[in-house]
Each structure stands twice: as structure tokens, then as C-alpha cells.
Amino acid sequence: MTNTNPGKKDVDSYKIKRTKKIVQQGDCVLMRPVDPKRLPYVARVEKLEADSKNNVKVRVRWYYRPEESLGGRRTFHGAKELFLSDHYDWQSARTIEGKCIVHSFKDYKKLENAGDDDYFCRFEYKAATGDFNPDLVAVYCKCEMPYNPDDFMVKCEGCRDWYHPSCLKMTIEDAKNLEQFICSDCPLDDDA
């Protein structure tokens, strides 16, 4: 790694004082907000650098929560959803509270039990313009909303589409008790 800042040196890792966990380039971290009532910020460490007094700074790429984006939180955003932004910044490594894992949306859906430090990302976000990549996403159900991993859905055995029980005028409990579900758009198999 080439260092372009005089008096600074690249470092491979940083030990979080409180947790003793090691942070390296590529790790996702929780960063202490100025207001202790706010949730910690989430960022991906891009680079670590120390000055002559061994004070470590980290170059981070910020994740935004949906409510921090231009469009705000929508009903299909999961509680643990983040957007990887194009917003980079240098911060003191002392503001790192802990490590976390930001999964791809596909990997997050496979988790049996998401922990407190598990998040997911399915969009990149351009902070200056409010644009998302991808700007199109698959939609499901009669309501034509993107999938929210926090919401229970039932799959039609005919068309293989997913539906919210509330959009079908049934309770979640009723949907869970179904042996098989066929939506109103699919023909019933009379031979069964």
C-alpha cells in the first residue's frame, strides 16, 4: 500500500478498546453518534492510518438507514436494512463501538436467526442525488411491494408468487396453518 499522506502510516488493524475486537480493512463497524440517544452509524472500513503519535483514523464508506435517505423509510424496508452510500469520510478509530455484519439481501434471507449485529443491504445509494442502484426491484403480492424480510408471506403453489396474508384477508396464523395455498389467479386442480 502506498501512503500519500506525509507523517501518516498505513496500519493493518485496530483493536477496539471496549470489546478487544480487531478491525481491519473491509470490516463493517458500528460508530458512536454524537447524540447518545441515536442508533450507532454503520460504515465499512476502507483504510486505516496512524499519525506519528499512533492516533488511528479510519476512512469509511457510510451505510445509510432508510430514514436517512431522501425518500425516507418505506413499508418494504426491513428493520435491519441499510443502503451502501457513495459517502466517504475520515473518522477517529476511537469512535468505533463494535463490529457488525452487513449481509447481501440474498444471504440475509437465509439466516435462521439474525443477531443484533446482523444487517442487510440490497441497494447502493447516491447521497447527493438520492438515486438508488438498482432502481428497479422485484415486487410481490397483490400490493406489488418489494419483499420485506420482516413480514411473513405465503407462497402460491401454482404461480410460485408470494403474498401477504393481510392482502388475502387472512391472519398470519391462518396462513401458517394452510397445508397448501393457491392464489385466486391460479386455476384449482380438480383432479387432486
C-alpha atoms as a PDB file:
ATOM      1  CA  MET A   1       0.000   0.000   0.000  1.00  0.00           C
ATOM      2  CA  THR A   2       1.358   3.389  -0.919  1.00  0.00           C
ATOM      3  CA  ASN A   3       0.920   6.157   1.600  1.00  0.00           C
ATOM      4  CA  THR A   4       0.255   9.588   0.148  1.00  0.00           C
ATOM      5  CA  ASN A   5      -0.086  11.487   3.457  1.00  0.00           C
ATOM      6  CA  PRO A   6       3.221  12.708   4.949  1.00  0.00           C
ATOM      7  CA  GLY A   7       3.596  11.856   8.647  1.00  0.00           C
ATOM      8  CA  LYS A   8       0.959   9.138   8.330  1.00  0.00           C
ATOM      9  CA  LYS A   9       1.424   5.411   8.000  1.00  0.00           C
ATOM     10  CA  ASP A  10      -0.983   2.727   6.874  1.00  0.00           C
ATOM     11  CA  VAL A  11      -1.916   0.198   9.541  1.00  0.00           C
ATOM     12  CA  ASP A  12      -3.377  -3.268   9.083  1.00  0.00           C
ATOM     13  CA  SER A  13      -5.700  -3.316  12.080  1.00  0.00           C
ATOM     14  CA  TYR A  14      -7.093  -1.534  15.112  1.00  0.00           C
ATOM     15  CA  LYS A  15      -8.196  -3.076  18.422  1.00  0.00           C
ATOM     16  CA  ILE A  16     -11.467  -1.693  19.796  1.00  0.00           C
ATOM     17  CA  LYS A  17     -10.708  -0.785  23.416  1.00  0.00           C
ATOM     18  CA  ARG A  18     -14.067  -1.797  24.923  1.00  0.00           C
ATOM     19  CA  THR A  19     -14.603  -5.105  23.090  1.00  0.00           C
ATOM     20  CA  LYS A  20     -10.985  -6.023  22.237  1.00  0.00           C
ATOM     21  CA  LYS A  21     -12.164  -6.982  18.734  1.00  0.00           C
ATOM     22  CA  ILE A  22      -9.817  -6.383  15.825  1.00  0.00           C
ATOM     23  CA  VAL A  23     -10.966  -4.143  12.956  1.00  0.00           C
ATOM     24  CA  GLN A  24      -9.391  -4.468   9.518  1.00  0.00           C
ATOM     25  CA  GLN A  25      -9.948  -3.049   6.061  1.00  0.00           C
ATOM     26  CA  GLY A  26     -13.240  -4.372   4.667  1.00  0.00           C
ATOM     27  CA  ASP A  27     -14.877  -4.873   8.073  1.00  0.00           C
ATOM     28  CA  CYS A  28     -18.215  -3.275   8.854  1.00  0.00           C
ATOM     29  CA  VAL A  29     -18.346  -1.305  12.077  1.00  0.00           C
ATOM     30  CA  LEU A  30     -20.751   0.493  14.385  1.00  0.00           C
ATOM     31  CA  MET A  31     -19.685   4.076  15.028  1.00  0.00           C
ATOM     32  CA  ARG A  32     -20.693   6.163  18.016  1.00  0.00           C
ATOM     33  CA  PRO A  33     -23.077   9.014  17.184  1.00  0.00           C
ATOM     34  CA  VAL A  34     -22.665  12.453  18.757  1.00  0.00           C
ATOM     35  CA  ASP A  35     -26.173  12.131  20.241  1.00  0.00           C
ATOM     36  CA  PRO A  36     -26.178   9.065  22.548  1.00  0.00           C
ATOM     37  CA  LYS A  37     -29.950   8.672  22.004  1.00  0.00           C
ATOM     38  CA  ARG A  38     -29.386   7.843  18.320  1.00  0.00           C
ATOM     39  CA  LEU A  39     -28.550   4.444  16.883  1.00  0.00           C
ATOM     40  CA  PRO A  40     -24.894   3.907  16.021  1.00  0.00           C
ATOM     41  CA  TYR A  41     -23.842   4.725  12.491  1.00  0.00           C
ATOM     42  CA  VAL A  42     -22.800   1.815  10.279  1.00  0.00           C
ATOM     43  CA  ALA A  43     -19.799   2.014   7.958  1.00  0.00           C
ATOM     44  CA  ARG A  44     -17.385  -0.163   6.021  1.00  0.00           C
ATOM     45  CA  VAL A  45     -13.703   0.406   6.772  1.00  0.00           C
ATOM     46  CA  GLU A  46     -11.825   1.251   3.577  1.00  0.00           C
ATOM     47  CA  LYS A  47      -8.441   2.178   5.075  1.00  0.00           C
ATOM     48  CA  LEU A  48      -6.691   2.564   8.445  1.00  0.00           C
ATOM     49  CA  GLU A  49      -3.977   5.148   9.032  1.00  0.00           C
ATOM     50  CA  ALA A  50      -1.932   6.248  12.071  1.00  0.00           C
ATOM     51  CA  ASP A  51      -0.166   9.540  12.708  1.00  0.00           C
ATOM     52  CA  SER A  52       3.230   9.962  14.411  1.00  0.00           C
ATOM     53  CA  LYS A  53       1.547   9.737  17.855  1.00  0.00           C
ATOM     54  CA  ASN A  54      -0.152   6.468  16.836  1.00  0.00           C
ATOM     55  CA  ASN A  55      -3.627   8.020  16.706  1.00  0.00           C
ATOM     56  CA  VAL A  56      -5.549   5.853  14.258  1.00  0.00           C
ATOM     57  CA  LYS A  57      -8.039   7.214  11.763  1.00  0.00           C
ATOM     58  CA  VAL A  58     -10.269   5.153   9.511  1.00  0.00           C
ATOM     59  CA  ARG A  59     -11.530   6.011   6.071  1.00  0.00           C
ATOM     60  CA  VAL A  60     -15.080   4.716   5.965  1.00  0.00           C
ATOM     61  CA  ARG A  61     -17.829   4.294   3.423  1.00  0.00           C
ATOM     62  CA  TRP A  62     -21.116   5.037   5.136  1.00  0.00           C
ATOM     63  CA  TYR A  63     -24.251   2.940   5.133  1.00  0.00           C
ATOM     64  CA  TYR A  64     -27.467   4.930   5.370  1.00  0.00           C
ATOM     65  CA  ARG A  65     -30.611   3.771   7.123  1.00  0.00           C
ATOM     66  CA  PRO A  66     -33.773   4.199   5.014  1.00  0.00           C
ATOM     67  CA  GLU A  67     -34.978   7.092   7.191  1.00  0.00           C
ATOM     68  CA  GLU A  68     -31.698   8.923   6.472  1.00  0.00           C
ATOM     69  CA  SER A  69     -32.255   8.760   2.710  1.00  0.00           C
ATOM     70  CA  LEU A  70     -34.032  11.310   0.550  1.00  0.00           C
ATOM     71  CA  GLY A  71     -37.134   9.109   0.101  1.00  0.00           C
ATOM     72  CA  GLY A  72     -37.323   8.065   3.755  1.00  0.00           C
ATOM     73  CA  ARG A  73     -38.372   4.716   5.183  1.00  0.00           C
ATOM     74  CA  ARG A  74     -40.952   2.788   3.141  1.00  0.00           C
ATOM     75  CA  THR A  75     -43.125  -0.141   4.233  1.00  0.00           C
ATOM     76  CA  PHE A  76     -40.988  -2.673   2.358  1.00  0.00           C
ATOM     77  CA  HIS A  77     -37.752  -1.664   4.083  1.00  0.00           C
ATOM     78  CA  GLY A  78     -36.679  -4.201   6.657  1.00  0.00           C
ATOM     79  CA  ALA A  79     -35.829  -3.110  10.200  1.00  0.00           C
ATOM     80  CA  LYS A  80     -32.167  -4.081   9.611  1.00  0.00           C
ATOM     81  CA  GLU A  81     -31.931  -2.689   6.067  1.00  0.00           C
ATOM     82  CA  LEU A  82     -29.086  -0.357   5.111  1.00  0.00           C
ATOM     83  CA  PHE A  83     -28.029   1.345   1.874  1.00  0.00           C
ATOM     84  CA  LEU A  84     -24.342   1.390   0.901  1.00  0.00           C
ATOM     85  CA  SER A  85     -23.670   5.020   0.017  1.00  0.00           C
ATOM     86  CA  ASP A  86     -21.101   6.851  -2.067  1.00  0.00           C
ATOM     87  CA  HIS A  87     -20.346   8.997   1.006  1.00  0.00           C
ATOM     88  CA  TYR A  88     -16.769   8.523   2.293  1.00  0.00           C
ATOM     89  CA  ASP A  89     -15.228  10.137   5.356  1.00  0.00           C
ATOM     90  CA  TRP A  90     -12.266  10.006   7.754  1.00  0.00           C
ATOM     91  CA  GLN A  91     -13.106   9.320  11.411  1.00  0.00           C
ATOM     92  CA  SER A  92     -11.151   8.671  14.575  1.00  0.00           C
ATOM     93  CA  ALA A  93     -10.935   4.924  15.204  1.00  0.00           C
ATOM     94  CA  ARG A  94     -11.880   5.688  18.829  1.00  0.00           C
ATOM     95  CA  THR A  95     -15.463   6.292  17.652  1.00  0.00           C
ATOM     96  CA  ILE A  96     -15.793   2.616  16.655  1.00  0.00           C
ATOM     97  CA  GLU A  97     -18.108   0.909  19.153  1.00  0.00           C
ATOM     98  CA  GLY A  98     -18.079  -2.570  17.663  1.00  0.00           C
ATOM     99  CA  LYS A  99     -18.179  -4.722  14.592  1.00  0.00           C
ATOM    100  CA  CYS A 100     -21.228  -5.834  12.644  1.00  0.00           C
ATOM    101  CA  ILE A 101     -22.013  -7.863   9.551  1.00  0.00           C
ATOM    102  CA  VAL A 102     -23.793  -6.362   6.565  1.00  0.00           C
ATOM    103  CA  HIS A 103     -25.066  -9.285   4.516  1.00  0.00           C
ATOM    104  CA  SER A 104     -26.264  -9.287   0.951  1.00  0.00           C
ATOM    105  CA  PHE A 105     -30.065  -9.417   0.805  1.00  0.00           C
ATOM    106  CA  LYS A 106     -29.875 -12.982  -0.519  1.00  0.00           C
ATOM    107  CA  ASP A 107     -27.644 -14.152   2.361  1.00  0.00           C
ATOM    108  CA  TYR A 108     -29.680 -12.300   4.989  1.00  0.00           C
ATOM    109  CA  LYS A 109     -32.873 -14.104   3.898  1.00  0.00           C
ATOM    110  CA  LYS A 110     -31.094 -17.431   4.553  1.00  0.00           C
ATOM    111  CA  LEU A 111     -30.249 -16.564   8.179  1.00  0.00           C
ATOM    112  CA  GLU A 112     -32.283 -18.604  10.643  1.00  0.00           C
ATOM    113  CA  ASN A 113     -31.747 -16.116  13.460  1.00  0.00           C
ATOM    114  CA  ALA A 114     -30.428 -12.656  12.647  1.00  0.00           C
ATOM    115  CA  GLY A 115     -28.489 -11.223  15.577  1.00  0.00           C
ATOM    116  CA  ASP A 116     -28.369  -7.649  16.823  1.00  0.00           C
ATOM    117  CA  ASP A 117     -25.254  -7.011  14.736  1.00  0.00           C
ATOM    118  CA  ASP A 118     -26.644  -8.517  11.509  1.00  0.00           C
ATOM    119  CA  TYR A 119     -27.824  -6.089   8.824  1.00  0.00           C
ATOM    120  CA  PHE A 120     -28.519  -6.384   5.120  1.00  0.00           C
ATOM    121  CA  CYS A 121     -28.069  -4.260   2.026  1.00  0.00           C
ATOM    122  CA  ARG A 122     -29.799  -4.592  -1.355  1.00  0.00           C
ATOM    123  CA  PHE A 123     -29.321  -1.052  -2.697  1.00  0.00           C
ATOM    124  CA  GLU A 124     -26.478   1.371  -3.260  1.00  0.00           C
ATOM    125  CA  TYR A 125     -27.409   4.976  -2.544  1.00  0.00           C
ATOM    126  CA  LYS A 126     -26.051   8.174  -4.090  1.00  0.00           C
ATOM    127  CA  ALA A 127     -26.219  10.621  -1.189  1.00  0.00           C
ATOM    128  CA  ALA A 128     -26.057  13.818  -3.274  1.00  0.00           C
ATOM    129  CA  THR A 129     -28.842  12.883  -5.691  1.00  0.00           C
ATOM    130  CA  GLY A 130     -30.966  10.405  -3.723  1.00  0.00           C
ATOM    131  CA  ASP A 131     -30.674   7.859  -6.546  1.00  0.00           C
ATOM    132  CA  PHE A 132     -30.607   4.108  -5.918  1.00  0.00           C
ATOM    133  CA  ASN A 133     -28.897   1.261  -7.719  1.00  0.00           C
ATOM    134  CA  PRO A 134     -30.645  -0.888  -8.720  1.00  0.00           C
ATOM    135  CA  ASP A 135     -33.542   1.481  -9.303  1.00  0.00           C
ATOM    136  CA  LEU A 136     -35.893  -1.413 -10.077  1.00  0.00           C
ATOM    137  CA  VAL A 137     -36.638  -4.290  -7.726  1.00  0.00           C
ATOM    138  CA  ALA A 138     -38.895  -7.347  -7.918  1.00  0.00           C
ATOM    139  CA  VAL A 139     -42.367  -6.877  -6.441  1.00  0.00           C
ATOM    140  CA  TYR A 140     -44.701  -9.445  -4.913  1.00  0.00           C
ATOM    141  CA  CYS A 141     -48.279  -9.898  -3.793  1.00  0.00           C
ATOM    142  CA  LYS A 142     -51.421  -8.049  -4.889  1.00  0.00           C
ATOM    143  CA  CYS A 143     -49.985  -4.888  -3.338  1.00  0.00           C
ATOM    144  CA  GLU A 144     -46.970  -5.084  -5.685  1.00  0.00           C
ATOM    145  CA  MET A 145     -44.454  -4.186  -2.991  1.00  0.00           C
ATOM    146  CA  PRO A 146     -40.828  -5.359  -2.792  1.00  0.00           C
ATOM    147  CA  TYR A 147     -40.080  -8.135  -0.326  1.00  0.00           C
ATOM    148  CA  ASN A 148     -39.611  -7.168   3.324  1.00  0.00           C
ATOM    149  CA  PRO A 149     -37.846  -9.989   5.217  1.00  0.00           C
ATOM    150  CA  ASP A 150     -39.582  -8.906   8.441  1.00  0.00           C
ATOM    151  CA  ASP A 151     -43.049  -9.673   7.031  1.00  0.00           C
ATOM    152  CA  PHE A 152     -44.482 -13.182   6.852  1.00  0.00           C
ATOM    153  CA  MET A 153     -45.614 -14.175   3.360  1.00  0.00           C
ATOM    154  CA  VAL A 154     -47.283 -17.272   1.945  1.00  0.00           C
ATOM    155  CA  LYS A 155     -46.289 -18.844  -1.389  1.00  0.00           C
ATOM    156  CA  CYS A 156     -48.823 -19.876  -4.038  1.00  0.00           C
ATOM    157  CA  GLU A 157     -48.140 -23.465  -5.103  1.00  0.00           C
ATOM    158  CA  GLY A 158     -49.449 -22.638  -8.591  1.00  0.00           C
ATOM    159  CA  CYS A 159     -47.659 -19.499  -9.789  1.00  0.00           C
ATOM    160  CA  ARG A 160     -44.976 -19.546  -7.011  1.00  0.00           C
ATOM    161  CA  ASP A 161     -45.644 -15.872  -6.199  1.00  0.00           C
ATOM    162  CA  TRP A 162     -45.585 -14.643  -2.589  1.00  0.00           C
ATOM    163  CA  TYR A 163     -48.470 -12.927  -0.776  1.00  0.00           C
ATOM    164  CA  HIS A 164     -49.017 -11.049   2.476  1.00  0.00           C
ATOM    165  CA  PRO A 165     -51.794 -12.734   4.465  1.00  0.00           C
ATOM    166  CA  SER A 166     -53.376  -9.311   5.147  1.00  0.00           C
ATOM    167  CA  CYS A 167     -53.668  -8.692   1.380  1.00  0.00           C
ATOM    168  CA  LEU A 168     -55.551 -12.002   1.162  1.00  0.00           C
ATOM    169  CA  LYS A 169     -57.814 -11.000   4.075  1.00  0.00           C
ATOM    170  CA  MET A 170     -56.467 -13.722   6.359  1.00  0.00           C
ATOM    171  CA  THR A 171     -54.464 -13.722   9.563  1.00  0.00           C
ATOM    172  CA  ILE A 172     -50.834 -14.769   9.733  1.00  0.00           C
ATOM    173  CA  GLU A 173     -51.893 -17.661  11.954  1.00  0.00           C
ATOM    174  CA  ASP A 174     -54.433 -18.842   9.349  1.00  0.00           C
ATOM    175  CA  ALA A 175     -51.785 -18.590   6.619  1.00  0.00           C
ATOM    176  CA  LYS A 176     -49.297 -20.596   8.708  1.00  0.00           C
ATOM    177  CA  ASN A 177     -51.902 -23.338   9.193  1.00  0.00           C
ATOM    178  CA  LEU A 178     -52.569 -23.791   5.461  1.00  0.00           C
ATOM    179  CA  GLU A 179     -51.391 -27.115   4.071  1.00  0.00           C
ATOM    180  CA  GLN A 180     -51.224 -25.570   0.612  1.00  0.00           C
ATOM    181  CA  PHE A 181     -52.098 -22.182  -0.830  1.00  0.00           C
ATOM    182  CA  ILE A 182     -53.372 -21.468  -4.350  1.00  0.00           C
ATOM    183  CA  CYS A 183     -53.997 -17.799  -5.199  1.00  0.00           C
ATOM    184  CA  SER A 184     -57.183 -16.613  -6.919  1.00  0.00           C
ATOM    185  CA  ASP A 185     -55.288 -16.113 -10.212  1.00  0.00           C
ATOM    186  CA  CYS A 186     -54.324 -19.788 -10.450  1.00  0.00           C
ATOM    187  CA  PRO A 187     -56.773 -22.493 -11.563  1.00  0.00           C
ATOM    188  CA  LEU A 188     -57.631 -25.104  -8.964  1.00  0.00           C
ATOM    189  CA  ASP A 189     -56.604 -28.631  -9.879  1.00  0.00           C
ATOM    190  CA  ASP A 190     -59.874 -30.596  -9.774  1.00  0.00           C
ATOM    191  CA  ASP A 191     -58.055 -33.930 -10.183  1.00  0.00           C
ATOM    192  CA  ALA A 192     -56.492 -33.714  -6.723  1.00  0.00           C
END
